[in-house]
Amino acid sequence: MPGPSSWLSDVAVGALASGVNPASLALLNLAAFGAAAGFGLAVAVLPPERAAALAPHAGVAAVLALALAASVDWVLWHVGTAAPDAQRAQLAGWLKGEEEKECGAPSQLAPGGEQQQRESPPPLPGGGKGAAAVGARLPEAAD
């Protein structure tokens, strides 16, 4: 079982390398839920006359903190997390001046461990030249 120093080093490596490792995700969730709990605790310890004015604001801030945690978890559930060992190898390559390599998430790795080629998105109508290419007209400014 890894000790606390390895968990903290995983967080530090996750902050420097590309991708999000499970230790960094746990720390992010802890911070978001701690912030939401802190907003509720702040309202609970205030005198009632001040708490009534701040409760809606603290409630909105708590909802935003929880929504941030939920949206980050949702995205990473779809994308996957990076292995801390792959992030360490990436950092070691950067220190040696090697070409940058992505820390592929498990959902992006082929069975042989190689990075899969992503499909390119379909081209935009009009060759990707914006609204002018598809015949859209911008309203003219009034003088």
N, C-alpha and C. Protein backbone atom coordinates (compact mmCIF):
# COMPACT_ATOMS: atom_id res chain seq x y z
N MET A 1 0.84 -1.18 0.00
CA MET A 1 0.00 0.00 0.00
C MET A 1 0.89 1.24 0.00
N PRO A 2 0.64 2.18 -0.93
CA PRO A 2 1.50 3.37 -0.99
C PRO A 2 1.29 4.27 0.21
N GLY A 3 2.35 4.90 0.61
CA GLY A 3 2.30 5.81 1.75
C GLY A 3 1.88 7.19 1.34
N PRO A 4 1.75 8.10 2.32
CA PRO A 4 1.31 9.46 2.03
C PRO A 4 2.29 10.22 1.14
N SER A 5 3.59 9.90 1.23
CA SER A 5 4.54 10.63 0.40
C SER A 5 4.35 10.29 -1.08
N SER A 6 4.00 9.04 -1.39
CA SER A 6 3.77 8.71 -2.79
C SER A 6 2.48 9.35 -3.30
N TRP A 7 1.46 9.47 -2.43
CA TRP A 7 0.23 10.12 -2.83
C TRP A 7 0.49 11.60 -3.13
N LEU A 8 1.26 12.26 -2.27
CA LEU A 8 1.58 13.67 -2.49
C LEU A 8 2.46 13.85 -3.73
N SER A 9 3.36 12.91 -3.97
CA SER A 9 4.18 13.04 -5.18
C SER A 9 3.34 12.82 -6.43
N ASP A 10 2.32 11.95 -6.35
CA ASP A 10 1.40 11.78 -7.48
C ASP A 10 0.64 13.07 -7.76
N VAL A 11 0.25 13.78 -6.70
CA VAL A 11 -0.45 15.06 -6.89
C VAL A 11 0.49 16.07 -7.54
N ALA A 12 1.75 16.12 -7.07
CA ALA A 12 2.71 17.06 -7.65
C ALA A 12 3.00 16.73 -9.11
N VAL A 13 3.16 15.46 -9.43
CA VAL A 13 3.39 15.05 -10.81
C VAL A 13 2.17 15.38 -11.66
N GLY A 14 0.97 15.16 -11.10
CA GLY A 14 -0.26 15.47 -11.83
C GLY A 14 -0.40 16.95 -12.12
N ALA A 15 0.16 17.80 -11.27
CA ALA A 15 0.08 19.24 -11.50
C ALA A 15 1.02 19.68 -12.61
N LEU A 16 2.10 18.94 -12.83
CA LEU A 16 3.10 19.35 -13.81
C LEU A 16 2.94 18.69 -15.17
N ALA A 17 2.44 17.48 -15.21
CA ALA A 17 2.34 16.74 -16.47
C ALA A 17 0.93 16.88 -17.05
N SER A 18 0.78 16.46 -18.28
CA SER A 18 -0.55 16.51 -18.91
C SER A 18 -1.41 15.37 -18.38
N GLY A 19 -2.70 15.58 -18.38
CA GLY A 19 -3.63 14.57 -17.88
C GLY A 19 -3.91 14.77 -16.40
N VAL A 20 -4.88 14.04 -15.91
CA VAL A 20 -5.27 14.10 -14.50
C VAL A 20 -5.14 12.69 -13.94
N ASN A 21 -4.38 12.55 -12.85
CA ASN A 21 -4.26 11.23 -12.24
C ASN A 21 -5.27 11.12 -11.10
N PRO A 22 -5.53 9.90 -10.62
CA PRO A 22 -6.55 9.72 -9.58
C PRO A 22 -6.27 10.49 -8.29
N ALA A 23 -5.00 10.64 -7.90
CA ALA A 23 -4.69 11.38 -6.67
C ALA A 23 -5.05 12.86 -6.83
N SER A 24 -4.76 13.45 -7.98
CA SER A 24 -5.11 14.85 -8.22
C SER A 24 -6.63 15.03 -8.26
N LEU A 25 -7.33 14.06 -8.84
CA LEU A 25 -8.78 14.12 -8.89
C LEU A 25 -9.38 14.04 -7.49
N ALA A 26 -8.82 13.18 -6.65
CA ALA A 26 -9.32 13.08 -5.27
C ALA A 26 -9.09 14.38 -4.52
N LEU A 27 -7.94 15.01 -4.71
CA LEU A 27 -7.66 16.27 -4.03
C LEU A 27 -8.59 17.38 -4.54
N LEU A 28 -8.86 17.41 -5.84
CA LEU A 28 -9.78 18.39 -6.40
C LEU A 28 -11.19 18.20 -5.83
N ASN A 29 -11.64 16.95 -5.75
CA ASN A 29 -12.97 16.69 -5.18
C ASN A 29 -13.02 17.07 -3.71
N LEU A 30 -11.95 16.78 -2.98
CA LEU A 30 -11.90 17.15 -1.56
C LEU A 30 -11.99 18.67 -1.40
N ALA A 31 -11.29 19.40 -2.25
CA ALA A 31 -11.32 20.86 -2.18
C ALA A 31 -12.71 21.40 -2.53
N ALA A 32 -13.34 20.85 -3.55
CA ALA A 32 -14.67 21.34 -3.95
C ALA A 32 -15.72 21.03 -2.88
N PHE A 33 -15.71 19.82 -2.36
CA PHE A 33 -16.69 19.48 -1.32
C PHE A 33 -16.37 20.22 -0.02
N GLY A 34 -15.10 20.45 0.26
CA GLY A 34 -14.72 21.24 1.43
C GLY A 34 -15.18 22.68 1.32
N ALA A 35 -15.08 23.23 0.12
CA ALA A 35 -15.56 24.61 -0.08
C ALA A 35 -17.07 24.68 0.11
N ALA A 36 -17.79 23.70 -0.43
CA ALA A 36 -19.25 23.70 -0.27
C ALA A 36 -19.63 23.57 1.20
N ALA A 37 -18.93 22.70 1.93
CA ALA A 37 -19.21 22.54 3.36
C ALA A 37 -18.81 23.80 4.12
N GLY A 38 -17.74 24.45 3.70
CA GLY A 38 -17.30 25.68 4.36
C GLY A 38 -18.30 26.81 4.20
N PHE A 39 -18.93 26.90 3.04
CA PHE A 39 -19.96 27.93 2.84
C PHE A 39 -21.13 27.69 3.78
N GLY A 40 -21.54 26.42 3.91
CA GLY A 40 -22.64 26.11 4.82
C GLY A 40 -22.27 26.36 6.27
N LEU A 41 -21.04 26.03 6.65
CA LEU A 41 -20.59 26.25 8.02
C LEU A 41 -20.49 27.74 8.33
N ALA A 42 -20.08 28.53 7.35
CA ALA A 42 -19.98 29.98 7.56
C ALA A 42 -21.33 30.57 7.87
N VAL A 43 -22.37 30.12 7.18
CA VAL A 43 -23.71 30.64 7.45
C VAL A 43 -24.20 30.14 8.80
N ALA A 44 -23.82 28.92 9.17
CA ALA A 44 -24.30 28.35 10.43
C ALA A 44 -23.74 29.06 11.65
N VAL A 45 -22.53 29.61 11.57
CA VAL A 45 -21.92 30.25 12.74
C VAL A 45 -22.20 31.74 12.81
N LEU A 46 -22.78 32.32 11.79
CA LEU A 46 -23.10 33.75 11.83
C LEU A 46 -24.33 34.01 12.68
N PRO A 47 -24.43 35.21 13.23
CA PRO A 47 -25.66 35.56 13.95
C PRO A 47 -26.86 35.51 12.99
N PRO A 48 -28.03 35.18 13.48
CA PRO A 48 -29.20 35.00 12.60
C PRO A 48 -29.52 36.19 11.72
N GLU A 49 -29.33 37.41 12.22
CA GLU A 49 -29.67 38.58 11.39
C GLU A 49 -28.72 38.72 10.20
N ARG A 50 -27.46 38.31 10.35
CA ARG A 50 -26.52 38.38 9.21
C ARG A 50 -26.63 37.13 8.35
N ALA A 51 -26.95 35.99 8.96
CA ALA A 51 -27.04 34.74 8.21
C ALA A 51 -28.18 34.79 7.20
N ALA A 52 -29.26 35.47 7.54
CA ALA A 52 -30.40 35.55 6.63
C ALA A 52 -30.04 36.27 5.34
N ALA A 53 -29.16 37.26 5.43
CA ALA A 53 -28.76 38.01 4.24
C ALA A 53 -27.71 37.25 3.43
N LEU A 54 -26.88 36.45 4.10
CA LEU A 54 -25.81 35.76 3.38
C LEU A 54 -26.17 34.34 2.94
N ALA A 55 -27.25 33.79 3.48
CA ALA A 55 -27.61 32.41 3.16
C ALA A 55 -27.83 32.18 1.66
N PRO A 56 -28.56 33.05 0.96
CA PRO A 56 -28.72 32.81 -0.48
C PRO A 56 -27.39 32.84 -1.24
N HIS A 57 -26.51 33.75 -0.86
CA HIS A 57 -25.22 33.84 -1.53
C HIS A 57 -24.36 32.61 -1.26
N ALA A 58 -24.34 32.18 0.00
CA ALA A 58 -23.58 30.99 0.35
C ALA A 58 -24.18 29.75 -0.31
N GLY A 59 -25.49 29.70 -0.42
CA GLY A 59 -26.14 28.57 -1.09
C GLY A 59 -25.76 28.49 -2.56
N VAL A 60 -25.76 29.63 -3.23
CA VAL A 60 -25.37 29.65 -4.65
C VAL A 60 -23.90 29.24 -4.80
N ALA A 61 -23.04 29.75 -3.91
CA ALA A 61 -21.62 29.39 -3.98
C ALA A 61 -21.42 27.90 -3.72
N ALA A 62 -22.18 27.33 -2.80
CA ALA A 62 -22.07 25.90 -2.52
C ALA A 62 -22.55 25.08 -3.72
N VAL A 63 -23.64 25.50 -4.33
CA VAL A 63 -24.15 24.80 -5.52
C VAL A 63 -23.12 24.88 -6.66
N LEU A 64 -22.50 26.03 -6.84
CA LEU A 64 -21.48 26.16 -7.88
C LEU A 64 -20.28 25.26 -7.60
N ALA A 65 -19.85 25.16 -6.35
CA ALA A 65 -18.72 24.29 -6.00
C ALA A 65 -19.07 22.83 -6.26
N LEU A 66 -20.27 22.43 -5.89
CA LEU A 66 -20.69 21.05 -6.14
C LEU A 66 -20.87 20.77 -7.64
N ALA A 67 -21.37 21.75 -8.37
CA ALA A 67 -21.52 21.58 -9.82
C ALA A 67 -20.17 21.47 -10.51
N LEU A 68 -19.19 22.23 -10.03
CA LEU A 68 -17.84 22.12 -10.58
C LEU A 68 -17.28 20.73 -10.35
N ALA A 69 -17.41 20.21 -9.15
CA ALA A 69 -16.91 18.87 -8.85
C ALA A 69 -17.63 17.82 -9.70
N ALA A 70 -18.94 17.95 -9.83
CA ALA A 70 -19.70 16.98 -10.61
C ALA A 70 -19.34 17.04 -12.10
N SER A 71 -19.15 18.23 -12.63
CA SER A 71 -18.82 18.33 -14.06
C SER A 71 -17.41 17.83 -14.35
N VAL A 72 -16.47 18.09 -13.46
CA VAL A 72 -15.11 17.56 -13.66
C VAL A 72 -15.13 16.04 -13.59
N ASP A 73 -15.86 15.49 -12.61
CA ASP A 73 -15.97 14.03 -12.51
C ASP A 73 -16.62 13.44 -13.74
N TRP A 74 -17.65 14.10 -14.26
CA TRP A 74 -18.34 13.59 -15.45
C TRP A 74 -17.40 13.56 -16.66
N VAL A 75 -16.66 14.64 -16.85
CA VAL A 75 -15.73 14.69 -17.99
C VAL A 75 -14.66 13.62 -17.86
N LEU A 76 -14.10 13.50 -16.67
CA LEU A 76 -13.04 12.51 -16.49
C LEU A 76 -13.57 11.08 -16.51
N TRP A 77 -14.84 10.89 -16.22
CA TRP A 77 -15.43 9.56 -16.34
C TRP A 77 -15.46 9.15 -17.81
N HIS A 78 -15.70 10.13 -18.70
CA HIS A 78 -15.74 9.84 -20.13
C HIS A 78 -14.35 9.77 -20.74
N VAL A 79 -13.43 10.59 -20.26
CA VAL A 79 -12.10 10.67 -20.85
C VAL A 79 -11.14 9.67 -20.21
N GLY A 80 -11.21 9.52 -18.93
CA GLY A 80 -10.30 8.64 -18.20
C GLY A 80 -9.20 9.44 -17.54
N THR A 81 -8.50 8.81 -16.64
CA THR A 81 -7.40 9.46 -15.95
C THR A 81 -6.08 8.89 -16.45
N ALA A 82 -5.03 9.63 -16.22
CA ALA A 82 -3.70 9.21 -16.64
C ALA A 82 -3.02 8.47 -15.49
N ALA A 83 -2.17 7.53 -15.84
CA ALA A 83 -1.42 6.80 -14.82
C ALA A 83 -0.27 7.68 -14.33
N PRO A 84 -0.05 7.74 -13.01
CA PRO A 84 1.05 8.56 -12.49
C PRO A 84 2.42 8.15 -13.04
N ASP A 85 2.60 6.86 -13.31
CA ASP A 85 3.89 6.42 -13.86
C ASP A 85 4.11 6.96 -15.27
N ALA A 86 3.03 7.03 -16.06
CA ALA A 86 3.15 7.61 -17.41
C ALA A 86 3.44 9.11 -17.31
N GLN A 87 2.87 9.78 -16.32
CA GLN A 87 3.14 11.20 -16.13
C GLN A 87 4.59 11.42 -15.69
N ARG A 88 5.10 10.54 -14.82
CA ARG A 88 6.51 10.66 -14.41
C ARG A 88 7.43 10.46 -15.60
N ALA A 89 7.10 9.50 -16.46
CA ALA A 89 7.91 9.26 -17.66
C ALA A 89 7.87 10.47 -18.58
N GLN A 90 6.71 11.11 -18.68
CA GLN A 90 6.59 12.31 -19.51
C GLN A 90 7.45 13.43 -18.95
N LEU A 91 7.42 13.63 -17.64
CA LEU A 91 8.25 14.67 -17.03
C LEU A 91 9.73 14.37 -17.20
N ALA A 92 10.11 13.10 -17.08
CA ALA A 92 11.51 12.73 -17.28
C ALA A 92 11.94 13.00 -18.71
N GLY A 93 11.04 12.77 -19.66
CA GLY A 93 11.35 13.07 -21.05
C GLY A 93 11.51 14.56 -21.28
N TRP A 94 10.69 15.37 -20.63
CA TRP A 94 10.81 16.82 -20.76
C TRP A 94 12.15 17.30 -20.20
N LEU A 95 12.56 16.72 -19.07
CA LEU A 95 13.83 17.12 -18.47
C LEU A 95 15.01 16.74 -19.35
N LYS A 96 14.87 15.64 -20.09
CA LYS A 96 15.94 15.21 -20.99
C LYS A 96 15.87 15.91 -22.34
N GLY A 97 14.81 16.68 -22.57
CA GLY A 97 14.66 17.41 -23.82
C GLY A 97 14.08 16.57 -24.94
N GLU A 98 13.44 15.46 -24.60
CA GLU A 98 12.84 14.62 -25.63
C GLU A 98 11.55 15.23 -26.14
N GLU A 99 11.08 14.68 -27.25
CA GLU A 99 9.84 15.15 -27.84
C GLU A 99 8.67 14.86 -26.90
N GLU A 100 7.71 15.78 -26.88
CA GLU A 100 6.57 15.63 -25.97
C GLU A 100 5.71 14.45 -26.38
N LYS A 101 5.34 13.64 -25.40
CA LYS A 101 4.44 12.52 -25.61
C LYS A 101 3.24 12.71 -24.70
N GLU A 102 2.07 12.36 -25.20
CA GLU A 102 0.86 12.50 -24.39
C GLU A 102 0.75 11.36 -23.40
N CYS A 103 0.22 11.66 -22.24
CA CYS A 103 -0.12 10.61 -21.27
C CYS A 103 -1.53 10.18 -21.61
N GLY A 104 -1.66 9.19 -22.46
CA GLY A 104 -2.98 8.78 -22.92
C GLY A 104 -3.81 8.19 -21.81
N ALA A 105 -5.06 8.54 -21.81
CA ALA A 105 -5.99 7.96 -20.86
C ALA A 105 -6.26 6.52 -21.28
N PRO A 106 -6.66 5.65 -20.35
CA PRO A 106 -6.91 4.26 -20.71
C PRO A 106 -7.91 4.10 -21.84
N SER A 107 -8.87 5.01 -21.95
CA SER A 107 -9.86 4.88 -23.02
C SER A 107 -9.27 5.24 -24.38
N GLN A 108 -8.08 5.87 -24.41
CA GLN A 108 -7.47 6.27 -25.66
C GLN A 108 -6.36 5.32 -26.09
N LEU A 109 -6.02 4.34 -25.27
CA LEU A 109 -4.92 3.46 -25.59
C LEU A 109 -5.42 2.23 -26.33
N ALA A 110 -4.67 1.84 -27.34
CA ALA A 110 -4.98 0.62 -28.07
C ALA A 110 -4.57 -0.57 -27.21
N PRO A 111 -5.04 -1.78 -27.55
CA PRO A 111 -4.69 -2.94 -26.73
C PRO A 111 -3.18 -3.14 -26.57
N GLY A 112 -2.39 -2.74 -27.54
CA GLY A 112 -0.94 -2.88 -27.44
C GLY A 112 -0.29 -1.79 -26.61
N GLY A 113 -1.07 -0.84 -26.10
CA GLY A 113 -0.54 0.24 -25.29
C GLY A 113 -0.16 1.46 -26.11
N GLU A 114 -0.44 1.44 -27.41
CA GLU A 114 -0.09 2.59 -28.26
C GLU A 114 -1.27 3.53 -28.37
N GLN A 115 -0.97 4.79 -28.62
CA GLN A 115 -2.00 5.82 -28.75
C GLN A 115 -2.82 5.57 -30.01
N GLN A 116 -4.15 5.58 -29.88
CA GLN A 116 -5.02 5.42 -31.03
C GLN A 116 -5.10 6.73 -31.80
N GLN A 117 -5.28 6.63 -33.11
CA GLN A 117 -5.49 7.82 -33.92
C GLN A 117 -6.94 8.25 -33.77
N ARG A 118 -7.15 9.51 -33.49
CA ARG A 118 -8.51 10.02 -33.35
C ARG A 118 -9.05 10.40 -34.71
N GLU A 119 -10.35 10.19 -34.87
CA GLU A 119 -10.98 10.57 -36.13
C GLU A 119 -11.10 12.08 -36.17
N SER A 120 -10.88 12.65 -37.36
CA SER A 120 -11.02 14.09 -37.48
C SER A 120 -12.50 14.43 -37.58
N PRO A 121 -12.90 15.57 -37.06
CA PRO A 121 -14.31 15.95 -37.12
C PRO A 121 -14.71 16.22 -38.56
N PRO A 122 -16.00 16.11 -38.87
CA PRO A 122 -16.45 16.39 -40.23
C PRO A 122 -16.20 17.85 -40.58
N PRO A 123 -15.95 18.13 -41.85
CA PRO A 123 -15.68 19.52 -42.23
C PRO A 123 -16.91 20.40 -42.05
N LEU A 124 -16.66 21.66 -41.80
CA LEU A 124 -17.74 22.63 -41.65
C LEU A 124 -18.35 22.94 -43.01
N PRO A 125 -19.63 23.31 -43.04
CA PRO A 125 -20.23 23.71 -44.31
C PRO A 125 -19.50 24.92 -44.87
N GLY A 126 -19.29 24.92 -46.17
CA GLY A 126 -18.62 26.04 -46.80
C GLY A 126 -17.11 25.96 -46.67
N GLY A 127 -16.57 24.82 -46.35
CA GLY A 127 -15.13 24.67 -46.29
C GLY A 127 -14.52 25.22 -45.01
N GLY A 128 -15.30 25.48 -43.99
CA GLY A 128 -14.76 25.93 -42.71
C GLY A 128 -14.36 27.39 -42.70
N LYS A 129 -14.95 28.21 -43.56
CA LYS A 129 -14.56 29.61 -43.63
C LYS A 129 -15.52 30.51 -42.86
N GLY A 130 -16.35 29.93 -42.00
CA GLY A 130 -17.23 30.73 -41.16
C GLY A 130 -18.58 30.99 -41.80
N ALA A 131 -19.33 31.91 -41.20
CA ALA A 131 -20.69 32.17 -41.62
C ALA A 131 -20.74 32.79 -43.02
N ALA A 132 -19.72 33.53 -43.42
CA ALA A 132 -19.73 34.16 -44.75
C ALA A 132 -19.70 33.11 -45.85
N ALA A 133 -19.08 31.96 -45.60
CA ALA A 133 -18.96 30.94 -46.63
C ALA A 133 -20.29 30.22 -46.88
N VAL A 134 -21.19 30.20 -45.92
CA VAL A 134 -22.46 29.50 -46.11
C VAL A 134 -23.59 30.46 -46.48
N GLY A 135 -23.26 31.70 -46.76
CA GLY A 135 -24.24 32.64 -47.25
C GLY A 135 -24.93 33.45 -46.18
N ALA A 136 -24.48 33.37 -44.96
CA ALA A 136 -25.11 34.17 -43.89
C ALA A 136 -24.66 35.61 -44.04
N ARG A 137 -25.58 36.51 -43.78
CA ARG A 137 -25.27 37.92 -43.88
C ARG A 137 -25.33 38.53 -42.50
N LEU A 138 -24.37 39.38 -42.23
CA LEU A 138 -24.36 40.10 -40.98
C LEU A 138 -25.19 41.37 -41.12
N PRO A 139 -25.91 41.76 -40.07
CA PRO A 139 -26.70 43.01 -40.17
C PRO A 139 -25.74 44.19 -40.30
N GLU A 140 -26.16 45.13 -41.12
CA GLU A 140 -25.31 46.30 -41.33
C GLU A 140 -25.52 47.29 -40.20
N ALA A 141 -24.44 47.93 -39.84
CA ALA A 141 -24.50 48.90 -38.74
C ALA A 141 -25.25 50.15 -39.16
N ALA A 142 -26.06 50.64 -38.25
CA ALA A 142 -26.79 51.89 -38.53
C ALA A 142 -25.91 53.07 -38.19
N ASP A 143 -25.92 54.06 -39.06
CA ASP A 143 -25.10 55.26 -38.81
C ASP A 143 -25.84 56.28 -38.04
